[in-house]
């Protein structure tokens, strides 16, 4: 995995790492969990979805920072820079949801790792939602801000479901 520069790329890579951790938990639970291989593949797919978002987020933000021209052009670049964090929030919410499922099904000895994956994904979703809001600061009524917040709230809720599975 590559290194991240900036909050968006880091949120994407944390999301990818959380998905990878879920894949490892699922694979290690396969003796007692018939669906573990399929769940591991799903986690790997989520990881593969998140990794390229790091570069996309970095590039979009760099373009926004370097935008020249009038307010319209600069505003358009910042609006475009909100798209990768929105996609990161969506991927992170999916990872958190998968973490709740894995925590309920996996080998109990590995459950803490599933919980940690969910919490990491929830943190990434919240961070990405914040970046969406910052990039769309002049458009407070933008649906993307509300959607990112909903995704972050959903990720937090499902991460708590993962935590509840350990009790």
C-alpha atoms as a PDB file:
ATOM      1  CA  UNK A   1       0.000   0.000   0.000  1.00  0.00           C
ATOM      2  CA  UNK A   2       1.202   3.502  -0.756  1.00  0.00           C
ATOM      3  CA  UNK A   3       1.685   6.350   1.677  1.00  0.00           C
ATOM      4  CA  UNK A   4      -0.884   9.086   1.998  1.00  0.00           C
ATOM      5  CA  UNK A   5      -0.528  12.835   1.844  1.00  0.00           C
ATOM      6  CA  UNK A   6      -3.492  14.670   3.276  1.00  0.00           C
ATOM      7  CA  UNK A   7      -6.664  13.687   5.052  1.00  0.00           C
ATOM      8  CA  UNK A   8      -8.573  12.309   2.070  1.00  0.00           C
ATOM      9  CA  UNK A   9      -5.899   9.885   0.923  1.00  0.00           C
ATOM     10  CA  UNK A  10      -5.259   8.801   4.490  1.00  0.00           C
ATOM     11  CA  UNK A  11      -8.978   8.134   5.061  1.00  0.00           C
ATOM     12  CA  UNK A  12      -9.025   6.008   1.902  1.00  0.00           C
ATOM     13  CA  UNK A  13      -5.985   4.003   2.974  1.00  0.00           C
ATOM     14  CA  UNK A  14      -7.337   3.472   6.502  1.00  0.00           C
ATOM     15  CA  UNK A  15     -10.566   2.220   4.926  1.00  0.00           C
ATOM     16  CA  UNK A  16      -8.563  -0.151   2.727  1.00  0.00           C
ATOM     17  CA  UNK A  17      -6.559  -1.355   5.736  1.00  0.00           C
ATOM     18  CA  UNK A  18      -9.738  -1.996   7.719  1.00  0.00           C
ATOM     19  CA  UNK A  19     -11.114  -4.042   4.824  1.00  0.00           C
ATOM     20  CA  UNK A  20      -7.865  -6.014   4.628  1.00  0.00           C
ATOM     21  CA  UNK A  21      -8.075  -6.738   8.351  1.00  0.00           C
ATOM     22  CA  UNK A  22     -11.607  -8.085   7.857  1.00  0.00           C
ATOM     23  CA  UNK A  23     -10.384 -10.312   5.032  1.00  0.00           C
ATOM     24  CA  UNK A  24      -7.704 -11.737   7.329  1.00  0.00           C
ATOM     25  CA  UNK A  25     -10.222 -12.349  10.130  1.00  0.00           C
ATOM     26  CA  UNK A  26     -12.595 -14.095   7.734  1.00  0.00           C
ATOM     27  CA  UNK A  27      -9.860 -16.275   6.224  1.00  0.00           C
ATOM     28  CA  UNK A  28      -8.631 -17.267   9.690  1.00  0.00           C
ATOM     29  CA  UNK A  29     -12.204 -18.203  10.688  1.00  0.00           C
ATOM     30  CA  UNK A  30     -12.924 -20.468   7.724  1.00  0.00           C
ATOM     31  CA  UNK A  31     -12.723 -23.747   9.677  1.00  0.00           C
ATOM     32  CA  UNK A  32     -15.825 -22.891  11.709  1.00  0.00           C
ATOM     33  CA  UNK A  33     -17.520 -20.476   9.294  1.00  0.00           C
ATOM     34  CA  UNK A  34     -18.604 -21.883   5.908  1.00  0.00           C
ATOM     35  CA  UNK A  35     -19.166 -18.440   4.336  1.00  0.00           C
ATOM     36  CA  UNK A  36     -15.774 -17.096   5.432  1.00  0.00           C
ATOM     37  CA  UNK A  37     -14.133 -17.371   2.002  1.00  0.00           C
ATOM     38  CA  UNK A  38     -16.920 -15.386   0.356  1.00  0.00           C
ATOM     39  CA  UNK A  39     -16.788 -12.746   3.067  1.00  0.00           C
ATOM     40  CA  UNK A  40     -13.003 -12.516   2.690  1.00  0.00           C
ATOM     41  CA  UNK A  41     -13.477 -11.954  -1.043  1.00  0.00           C
ATOM     42  CA  UNK A  42     -16.033  -9.236  -0.322  1.00  0.00           C
ATOM     43  CA  UNK A  43     -13.597  -7.546   2.071  1.00  0.00           C
ATOM     44  CA  UNK A  44     -10.852  -7.726  -0.553  1.00  0.00           C
ATOM     45  CA  UNK A  45     -13.198  -6.146  -3.076  1.00  0.00           C
ATOM     46  CA  UNK A  46     -13.874  -3.294  -0.645  1.00  0.00           C
ATOM     47  CA  UNK A  47     -10.120  -2.888  -0.130  1.00  0.00           C
ATOM     48  CA  UNK A  48      -9.600  -2.743  -3.888  1.00  0.00           C
ATOM     49  CA  UNK A  49     -12.362  -0.139  -4.136  1.00  0.00           C
ATOM     50  CA  UNK A  50     -10.791   2.076  -1.454  1.00  0.00           C
ATOM     51  CA  UNK A  51      -7.126   2.037  -2.495  1.00  0.00           C
ATOM     52  CA  UNK A  52      -7.490   4.016  -5.761  1.00  0.00           C
ATOM     53  CA  UNK A  53      -9.581   6.617  -3.955  1.00  0.00           C
ATOM     54  CA  UNK A  54      -6.413   7.753  -2.163  1.00  0.00           C
ATOM     55  CA  UNK A  55      -4.805   8.894  -5.407  1.00  0.00           C
ATOM     56  CA  UNK A  56      -8.081  10.295  -6.706  1.00  0.00           C
ATOM     57  CA  UNK A  57      -8.560  12.359  -3.535  1.00  0.00           C
ATOM     58  CA  UNK A  58      -4.993  13.647  -3.620  1.00  0.00           C
ATOM     59  CA  UNK A  59      -5.249  14.655  -7.263  1.00  0.00           C
ATOM     60  CA  UNK A  60      -8.638  16.378  -6.893  1.00  0.00           C
ATOM     61  CA  UNK A  61      -7.529  18.331  -3.852  1.00  0.00           C
ATOM     62  CA  UNK A  62      -4.269  19.362  -5.526  1.00  0.00           C
ATOM     63  CA  UNK A  63      -6.243  20.629  -8.525  1.00  0.00           C
ATOM     64  CA  UNK A  64      -8.515  22.616  -6.212  1.00  0.00           C
ATOM     65  CA  UNK A  65      -5.559  24.182  -4.413  1.00  0.00           C
ATOM     66  CA  UNK A  66      -3.965  25.143  -7.724  1.00  0.00           C
ATOM     67  CA  UNK A  67      -7.151  26.406  -9.365  1.00  0.00           C
ATOM     68  CA  UNK A  68      -6.858  29.767 -11.038  1.00  0.00           C
ATOM     69  CA  UNK A  69      -9.437  31.974 -12.561  1.00  0.00           C
ATOM     70  CA  UNK A  70     -12.590  33.462 -11.215  1.00  0.00           C
ATOM     71  CA  UNK A  71     -14.682  32.378  -8.273  1.00  0.00           C
ATOM     72  CA  UNK A  72     -16.719  30.076 -10.485  1.00  0.00           C
ATOM     73  CA  UNK A  73     -13.679  28.074 -11.648  1.00  0.00           C
ATOM     74  CA  UNK A  74     -12.187  27.806  -8.158  1.00  0.00           C
ATOM     75  CA  UNK A  75     -15.582  26.854  -6.718  1.00  0.00           C
ATOM     76  CA  UNK A  76     -16.033  24.204  -9.386  1.00  0.00           C
ATOM     77  CA  UNK A  77     -12.649  22.643  -8.555  1.00  0.00           C
ATOM     78  CA  UNK A  78     -13.510  22.502  -4.845  1.00  0.00           C
ATOM     79  CA  UNK A  79     -16.884  20.971  -5.665  1.00  0.00           C
ATOM     80  CA  UNK A  80     -15.074  18.340  -7.736  1.00  0.00           C
ATOM     81  CA  UNK A  81     -12.674  17.777  -4.821  1.00  0.00           C
ATOM     82  CA  UNK A  82     -15.685  16.785  -2.680  1.00  0.00           C
ATOM     83  CA  UNK A  83     -16.433  13.750  -4.845  1.00  0.00           C
ATOM     84  CA  UNK A  84     -13.535  11.474  -3.797  1.00  0.00           C
ATOM     85  CA  UNK A  85     -14.193  11.969  -0.055  1.00  0.00           C
ATOM     86  CA  UNK A  86     -17.858  11.177  -0.661  1.00  0.00           C
ATOM     87  CA  UNK A  87     -16.826   7.932  -2.332  1.00  0.00           C
ATOM     88  CA  UNK A  88     -14.446   7.239   0.565  1.00  0.00           C
ATOM     89  CA  UNK A  89     -17.283   7.753   3.051  1.00  0.00           C
ATOM     90  CA  UNK A  90     -19.437   5.298   1.099  1.00  0.00           C
ATOM     91  CA  UNK A  91     -16.675   2.682   0.979  1.00  0.00           C
ATOM     92  CA  UNK A  92     -15.941   3.159   4.678  1.00  0.00           C
ATOM     93  CA  UNK A  93     -19.624   2.737   5.546  1.00  0.00           C
ATOM     94  CA  UNK A  94     -19.637  -0.529   3.602  1.00  0.00           C
ATOM     95  CA  UNK A  95     -16.519  -1.715   5.445  1.00  0.00           C
ATOM     96  CA  UNK A  96     -18.081  -0.839   8.808  1.00  0.00           C
ATOM     97  CA  UNK A  97     -21.231  -2.768   7.882  1.00  0.00           C
ATOM     98  CA  UNK A  98     -19.162  -5.775   6.880  1.00  0.00           C
ATOM     99  CA  UNK A  99     -17.249  -5.503  10.165  1.00  0.00           C
ATOM    100  CA  UNK A 100     -20.500  -5.840  12.107  1.00  0.00           C
ATOM    101  CA  UNK A 101     -21.322  -9.004  10.183  1.00  0.00           C
ATOM    102  CA  UNK A 102     -17.825 -10.437  10.555  1.00  0.00           C
ATOM    103  CA  UNK A 103     -17.795  -9.698  14.291  1.00  0.00           C
ATOM    104  CA  UNK A 104     -20.991 -11.710  14.698  1.00  0.00           C
ATOM    105  CA  UNK A 105     -19.765 -14.691  12.654  1.00  0.00           C
ATOM    106  CA  UNK A 106     -16.006 -14.994  13.062  1.00  0.00           C
ATOM    107  CA  UNK A 107     -13.884 -16.996  15.453  1.00  0.00           C
ATOM    108  CA  UNK A 108     -14.493 -15.314  18.845  1.00  0.00           C
ATOM    109  CA  UNK A 109     -10.746 -15.021  19.410  1.00  0.00           C
ATOM    110  CA  UNK A 110     -10.556 -12.793  16.310  1.00  0.00           C
ATOM    111  CA  UNK A 111     -13.607 -10.674  17.109  1.00  0.00           C
ATOM    112  CA  UNK A 112     -11.532  -7.777  18.526  1.00  0.00           C
ATOM    113  CA  UNK A 113      -9.868  -7.347  15.130  1.00  0.00           C
ATOM    114  CA  UNK A 114     -13.271  -7.195  13.423  1.00  0.00           C
ATOM    115  CA  UNK A 115     -14.375  -4.576  15.952  1.00  0.00           C
ATOM    116  CA  UNK A 116     -11.217  -2.537  15.357  1.00  0.00           C
ATOM    117  CA  UNK A 117     -11.805  -2.710  11.597  1.00  0.00           C
ATOM    118  CA  UNK A 118     -15.312  -1.352  12.101  1.00  0.00           C
ATOM    119  CA  UNK A 119     -14.111   1.464  14.324  1.00  0.00           C
ATOM    120  CA  UNK A 120     -11.361   2.404  11.858  1.00  0.00           C
ATOM    121  CA  UNK A 121     -13.854   2.435   8.999  1.00  0.00           C
ATOM    122  CA  UNK A 122     -16.266   4.587  11.008  1.00  0.00           C
ATOM    123  CA  UNK A 123     -13.476   7.059  11.734  1.00  0.00           C
ATOM    124  CA  UNK A 124     -12.587   7.190   8.053  1.00  0.00           C
ATOM    125  CA  UNK A 125     -16.210   7.791   7.105  1.00  0.00           C
ATOM    126  CA  UNK A 126     -16.463  10.686   9.577  1.00  0.00           C
ATOM    127  CA  UNK A 127     -13.166  12.162   8.351  1.00  0.00           C
ATOM    128  CA  UNK A 128     -14.280  11.903   4.729  1.00  0.00           C
ATOM    129  CA  UNK A 129     -17.640  13.509   5.557  1.00  0.00           C
ATOM    130  CA  UNK A 130     -15.782  16.412   7.124  1.00  0.00           C
ATOM    131  CA  UNK A 131     -13.751  16.848   3.936  1.00  0.00           C
ATOM    132  CA  UNK A 132     -16.917  16.857   1.842  1.00  0.00           C
ATOM    133  CA  UNK A 133     -18.333  19.621   4.041  1.00  0.00           C
ATOM    134  CA  UNK A 134     -15.111  21.638   3.906  1.00  0.00           C
ATOM    135  CA  UNK A 135     -14.852  21.380   0.125  1.00  0.00           C
ATOM    136  CA  UNK A 136     -18.477  22.439  -0.251  1.00  0.00           C
ATOM    137  CA  UNK A 137     -18.339  25.166   2.383  1.00  0.00           C
ATOM    138  CA  UNK A 138     -20.082  27.686   0.138  1.00  0.00           C
ATOM    139  CA  UNK A 139     -22.889  25.225  -0.661  1.00  0.00           C
ATOM    140  CA  UNK A 140     -24.189  24.318   2.797  1.00  0.00           C
ATOM    141  CA  UNK A 141     -27.445  22.991   1.369  1.00  0.00           C
ATOM    142  CA  UNK A 142     -25.634  20.616  -0.996  1.00  0.00           C
ATOM    143  CA  UNK A 143     -27.065  17.088  -0.875  1.00  0.00           C
ATOM    144  CA  UNK A 144     -23.545  15.635  -0.910  1.00  0.00           C
ATOM    145  CA  UNK A 145     -22.854  17.110   2.545  1.00  0.00           C
ATOM    146  CA  UNK A 146     -26.015  15.499   3.927  1.00  0.00           C
ATOM    147  CA  UNK A 147     -25.246  12.197   2.207  1.00  0.00           C
ATOM    148  CA  UNK A 148     -21.704  12.114   3.590  1.00  0.00           C
ATOM    149  CA  UNK A 149     -23.054  12.810   7.082  1.00  0.00           C
ATOM    150  CA  UNK A 150     -25.601  10.000   6.723  1.00  0.00           C
ATOM    151  CA  UNK A 151     -22.870   7.612   5.596  1.00  0.00           C
ATOM    152  CA  UNK A 152     -20.691   8.565   8.575  1.00  0.00           C
ATOM    153  CA  UNK A 153     -23.614   8.099  10.966  1.00  0.00           C
ATOM    154  CA  UNK A 154     -24.396   4.715   9.418  1.00  0.00           C
ATOM    155  CA  UNK A 155     -20.751   3.665   9.744  1.00  0.00           C
ATOM    156  CA  UNK A 156     -20.701   4.703  13.402  1.00  0.00           C
ATOM    157  CA  UNK A 157     -23.899   2.762  14.070  1.00  0.00           C
ATOM    158  CA  UNK A 158     -22.633  -0.421  12.432  1.00  0.00           C
ATOM    159  CA  UNK A 159     -19.258  -0.109  14.171  1.00  0.00           C
ATOM    160  CA  UNK A 160     -21.193  -0.081  17.443  1.00  0.00           C
ATOM    161  CA  UNK A 161     -23.024  -3.212  16.295  1.00  0.00           C
ATOM    162  CA  UNK A 162     -19.623  -4.849  15.841  1.00  0.00           C
ATOM    163  CA  UNK A 163     -18.680  -3.812  19.374  1.00  0.00           C
ATOM    164  CA  UNK A 164     -21.936  -5.213  20.717  1.00  0.00           C
ATOM    165  CA  UNK A 165     -21.134  -8.584  19.130  1.00  0.00           C
ATOM    166  CA  UNK A 166     -18.207  -9.028  21.504  1.00  0.00           C
ATOM    167  CA  UNK A 167     -20.400  -8.742  24.580  1.00  0.00           C
END
